[in-house]
Protein backbone atom coordinates (compact mmCIF):
# COMPACT_ATOMS: atom_id res chain seq x y z
CA MET A 1 13.14 5.25 -13.45
CA HIS A 2 16.11 5.87 -11.22
CA VAL A 3 15.38 5.00 -7.58
CA VAL A 4 17.49 5.75 -4.53
CA ILE A 5 17.04 3.41 -1.57
CA MET A 6 18.28 4.02 1.97
CA GLY A 7 18.84 0.79 3.89
CA CYS A 8 20.22 -2.47 2.54
CA GLY A 9 18.52 -4.84 4.96
CA ARG A 10 16.13 -7.54 3.87
CA VAL A 11 13.52 -5.06 2.66
CA GLY A 12 15.95 -2.71 0.92
CA SER A 13 17.92 -5.44 -0.83
CA THR A 14 14.74 -7.19 -2.00
CA LEU A 15 13.33 -3.90 -3.25
CA ALA A 16 16.58 -3.09 -5.10
CA ARG A 17 16.68 -6.44 -6.87
CA SER A 18 12.98 -6.22 -7.75
CA LEU A 19 13.48 -2.80 -9.32
CA GLU A 20 16.46 -4.02 -11.35
CA ASP A 21 14.42 -7.00 -12.53
CA ARG A 22 11.96 -4.42 -13.92
CA ASN A 23 14.77 -2.61 -15.77
CA HIS A 24 14.99 0.39 -13.45
CA THR A 25 18.31 1.79 -12.23
CA VAL A 26 19.02 1.72 -8.51
CA SER A 27 21.41 3.29 -6.03
CA ILE A 28 21.32 1.87 -2.53
CA ILE A 29 22.78 3.52 0.57
CA ASP A 30 23.77 1.88 3.85
CA SER A 31 26.02 2.89 6.72
CA GLU A 32 27.32 -0.70 6.97
CA PRO A 33 29.16 -1.71 3.77
CA ASP A 34 28.84 -5.41 4.68
CA SER A 35 25.09 -5.05 4.17
CA PHE A 36 25.61 -4.85 0.41
CA ARG A 37 26.36 -8.57 0.37
CA ARG A 38 22.60 -9.14 0.55
CA LEU A 39 22.31 -7.82 -2.99
CA GLY A 40 24.17 -10.78 -4.46
CA PRO A 41 26.71 -10.83 -7.30
CA GLY A 42 24.14 -10.06 -10.00
CA PHE A 43 23.25 -6.59 -8.72
CA ASN A 44 24.39 -3.88 -11.15
CA GLY A 45 23.33 -0.76 -9.29
CA ASP A 46 25.41 1.65 -7.23
CA LYS A 47 26.28 0.75 -3.64
CA ILE A 48 26.88 3.90 -1.63
CA PRO A 49 28.30 3.61 1.91
CA GLY A 50 27.18 6.39 4.21
CA ILE A 51 24.29 8.00 6.06
CA GLY A 52 21.17 8.16 3.96
CA PHE A 53 20.13 11.65 5.00
CA ASP A 54 23.57 13.16 4.33
CA GLN A 55 23.18 15.42 1.32
CA GLU A 56 26.62 14.58 -0.10
CA VAL A 57 25.84 10.87 0.15
CA LEU A 58 22.51 11.43 -1.58
CA GLU A 59 24.29 13.37 -4.33
CA LYS A 60 26.62 10.40 -4.91
CA ALA A 61 23.56 8.17 -5.17
CA GLY A 62 22.18 10.33 -8.00
CA ILE A 63 19.35 11.90 -6.03
CA ARG A 64 19.13 14.85 -8.46
CA ARG A 65 18.17 12.54 -11.32
CA ALA A 66 16.07 10.23 -9.18
CA ASP A 67 12.38 9.68 -9.80
CA ALA A 68 11.73 8.13 -6.38
CA PHE A 69 13.29 7.64 -2.95
CA ALA A 70 12.61 4.88 -0.43
CA ALA A 71 13.83 5.03 3.18
CA VAL A 72 13.64 1.47 4.52
CA SER A 73 16.35 1.28 7.16
CA SER A 74 15.65 -0.13 10.62
CA GLY A 75 15.40 3.30 12.25
CA ASP A 76 12.21 5.38 12.22
CA ASN A 77 14.04 8.65 12.87
CA SER A 78 16.59 8.07 10.13
CA ASN A 79 13.89 7.11 7.65
CA ILE A 80 11.81 10.20 8.37
CA ILE A 81 14.78 12.58 8.22
CA ALA A 82 15.98 11.05 4.95
CA ALA A 83 12.49 11.16 3.45
CA ARG A 84 12.10 14.83 4.33
CA VAL A 85 15.52 15.70 2.90
CA ALA A 86 14.71 13.86 -0.33
CA ARG A 87 11.39 15.63 -0.65
CA GLU A 88 12.07 19.10 0.71
CA THR A 89 15.69 19.62 -0.32
CA PHE A 90 15.83 17.71 -3.60
CA GLY A 91 12.18 17.93 -4.63
CA ILE A 92 11.57 14.19 -5.09
CA ALA A 93 7.82 13.71 -5.46
CA GLN A 94 7.67 9.96 -4.90
CA VAL A 95 9.02 9.39 -1.39
CA VAL A 96 8.20 6.44 0.87
CA ALA A 97 9.37 5.87 4.44
CA ARG A 98 9.21 2.64 6.42
CA ILE A 99 7.95 3.38 9.95
CA TYR A 100 7.58 0.88 12.79
CA ASP A 101 5.53 3.14 15.06
CA PRO A 102 2.00 3.29 13.56
CA GLY A 103 1.13 6.45 15.47
CA ARG A 104 4.06 8.33 13.99
CA ALA A 105 3.34 6.86 10.57
CA GLU A 106 -0.13 8.45 10.63
CA VAL A 107 1.33 11.83 11.57
CA TYR A 108 3.83 11.84 8.72
CA GLN A 109 1.24 10.48 6.30
CA ARG A 110 -0.85 13.57 7.01
CA LEU A 111 2.22 15.71 6.33
CA GLY A 112 2.39 14.24 2.84
CA ILE A 113 5.11 11.62 3.32
CA THR A 114 3.90 8.20 2.24
CA THR A 115 4.63 5.74 5.03
CA VAL A 116 4.54 1.99 5.41
CA ALA A 117 3.83 1.11 9.05
CA THR A 118 5.22 -2.41 9.16
CA VAL A 119 4.01 -3.36 12.64
CA LYS A 120 0.44 -2.28 11.93
CA TRP A 121 0.46 -3.93 8.51
CA THR A 122 1.64 -7.24 9.96
CA ALA A 123 -0.89 -7.09 12.79
CA ASP A 124 -3.67 -6.35 10.30
CA GLN A 125 -2.68 -9.32 8.16
CA VAL A 126 -2.81 -11.64 11.18
CA LEU A 127 -6.15 -10.22 12.32
CA ARG A 128 -7.66 -10.77 8.88
CA ARG A 129 -6.79 -14.45 9.10
CA ILE A 130 -8.07 -15.14 12.60
CA LEU A 131 -11.23 -13.00 12.77
CA PRO A 132 -14.56 -13.68 11.03
CA ALA A 133 -15.13 -12.33 7.52
CA GLY A 134 -15.75 -8.59 7.53
CA ALA A 135 -14.25 -8.05 10.98
CA GLU A 136 -10.99 -6.76 9.53
CA PRO A 137 -10.56 -5.36 5.99
CA ASP A 138 -7.93 -6.19 3.39
CA PHE A 139 -6.67 -2.62 3.61
CA ARG A 140 -7.29 0.40 5.78
CA ASP A 141 -5.82 3.79 4.89
CA PRO A 142 -3.36 5.28 7.41
CA SER A 143 -5.97 7.65 8.82
CA GLY A 144 -8.26 4.71 9.59
CA THR A 145 -11.09 6.27 7.59
CA ILE A 146 -11.36 4.14 4.45
CA ARG A 147 -11.34 0.35 4.23
CA VAL A 148 -11.12 -2.00 1.26
CA GLU A 149 -12.27 -5.59 1.45
CA HIS A 150 -13.45 -8.42 -0.77
CA VAL A 151 -16.70 -10.27 -0.23
CA LEU A 152 -18.16 -13.27 -2.02
CA THR A 153 -21.56 -12.21 -3.36
CA PRO A 154 -24.32 -13.18 -0.91
CA GLU A 155 -27.09 -15.23 -2.52
CA SER A 156 -29.65 -12.52 -1.76
CA TRP A 157 -27.79 -10.01 -3.98
CA VAL A 158 -27.49 -12.25 -7.05
CA GLY A 159 -29.39 -10.57 -9.89
CA ALA A 160 -29.35 -7.12 -8.30
CA ARG A 161 -27.57 -4.18 -9.84
CA VAL A 162 -24.34 -2.67 -8.58
CA GLY A 163 -25.93 0.77 -8.24
CA GLN A 164 -28.54 -0.58 -5.83
CA LEU A 165 -25.90 -2.21 -3.64
CA GLN A 166 -23.86 0.98 -3.59
CA GLU A 167 -26.79 3.17 -2.62
CA GLU A 168 -28.26 0.92 0.04
CA GLY A 169 -24.92 -0.18 1.45
CA ARG A 170 -23.26 3.26 1.42
CA LEU A 171 -20.26 1.75 -0.35
CA ARG A 172 -18.52 1.54 -3.71
CA VAL A 173 -17.83 -1.60 -5.73
CA ALA A 174 -14.30 -0.92 -6.96
CA TRP A 175 -14.08 -4.02 -9.14
CA ILE A 176 -15.45 -7.54 -9.47
CA ASP A 177 -13.55 -10.79 -9.94
CA ARG A 178 -15.75 -12.93 -12.20
CA LEU A 179 -14.71 -16.33 -13.54
CA GLY A 180 -11.05 -15.56 -12.92
CA GLU A 181 -11.06 -12.14 -14.59
CA GLY A 182 -11.37 -8.65 -13.17
CA MET A 183 -14.03 -6.26 -14.40
CA LEU A 184 -14.88 -2.64 -13.65
CA PRO A 185 -18.64 -2.47 -13.13
CA ASP A 186 -20.96 0.45 -13.72
CA ARG A 187 -24.21 1.17 -11.90
CA ASP A 188 -26.21 -1.06 -14.24
CA SER A 189 -23.92 -4.08 -13.99
CA VAL A 190 -25.80 -7.13 -12.72
CA ILE A 191 -24.25 -9.02 -9.81
CA GLN A 192 -23.83 -12.72 -10.57
CA GLU A 193 -23.42 -15.83 -8.46
CA GLY A 194 -19.79 -16.45 -7.61
CA ASP A 195 -18.75 -12.80 -8.06
CA LEU A 196 -16.02 -11.63 -5.69
CA LEU A 197 -16.87 -8.04 -4.86
CA HIS A 198 -14.08 -5.64 -3.92
CA LEU A 199 -15.72 -3.01 -1.76
CA VAL A 200 -14.60 0.42 -0.61
CA THR A 201 -16.40 1.69 2.48
CA HIS A 202 -16.10 4.43 5.06
CA GLU A 203 -15.11 2.93 8.43
CA ALA A 204 -18.09 4.63 10.06
CA HIS A 205 -20.46 2.89 7.63
CA ALA A 206 -18.88 -0.57 7.76
CA ASP A 207 -21.46 -2.10 10.14
CA HIS A 208 -24.31 -0.74 8.05
CA SER A 209 -22.71 -2.03 4.84
CA TYR A 210 -22.46 -5.55 6.22
CA GLN A 211 -26.01 -5.46 7.51
CA VAL A 212 -27.20 -4.57 4.01
CA LEU A 213 -25.06 -7.28 2.45
CA ASN A 214 -26.41 -9.91 4.82
CA HIS A 215 -30.02 -8.71 4.66
CA GLY A 216 -30.28 -8.36 0.89
CA PRO A 217 -31.75 -5.58 -1.27
CA GLU A 218 -34.80 -3.63 -0.17
CA ARG A 219 -36.03 -3.07 -3.72
CA ARG A 220 -35.62 -5.00 -6.96
CA GLY A 221 -35.43 -3.92 -10.57
CA GLN A 222 -33.53 -0.65 -10.28
C-alpha cells in the first residue's frame, strides 16, 4: 500500500514508522518541517512540507496512487477538511481522521468518514480500569449503539451451548479465547470452564445480557 499521512506529531510519526516496518510506502505531510525529525534517520518515505488539505501538497505526496489517507494533526478542523478532500476530491476509500471532540467525531462518522476520537477513547480506557466488570465495554462504536466486551465464563454457563447464551442473553459470541488460542464458535459449541467470551451486544440490551450471564441458563440441553 501507499499511505499519505497528514501530521508528523507523535501519532503521525509512529504511524509512519509502523507502516514502513510492514513494507508499505509512506508520504507524510506537516506544516512544520522540524517535525520530520521525529521520524528518525531510518525513515525512507517522502517528507512533504505544507498544508495537508492543499491539493498541490497532496499531489506531491502521491495522493493519486494512495490506497489510504490518515489525518492525524493536532487540529480537528484541519483533519476533517483534509479527510474530505482526500475522499471527495481524490476518491480515497480508506480515510481516517483524528478528532478530539467526540461529538463532532460522531457526526463525521455518520457522514462516512472514519474517525478516532482520542479524548473519548482515552476516557473509556480509564473507565474500564476503574469501574466494575461489565460497567464499561472494551469497545463502543461511535454511535454508542454497539458494545464489545470480554467476560470470563460464569460457572453457571459451563456446559451450556453458545446458541443458548446468544438467544437468552440477546447477544453474540464473536469469539472465544480457550487455553491461549482463539476460536470461532458456532451455535452448538459447548462453553467450557476458563473460556474468555468476547461478546457483542446492543447497548440497550446490556443490562439484560449481564443479568442472564449472572443468573445462568433457563434451560439445559439445547
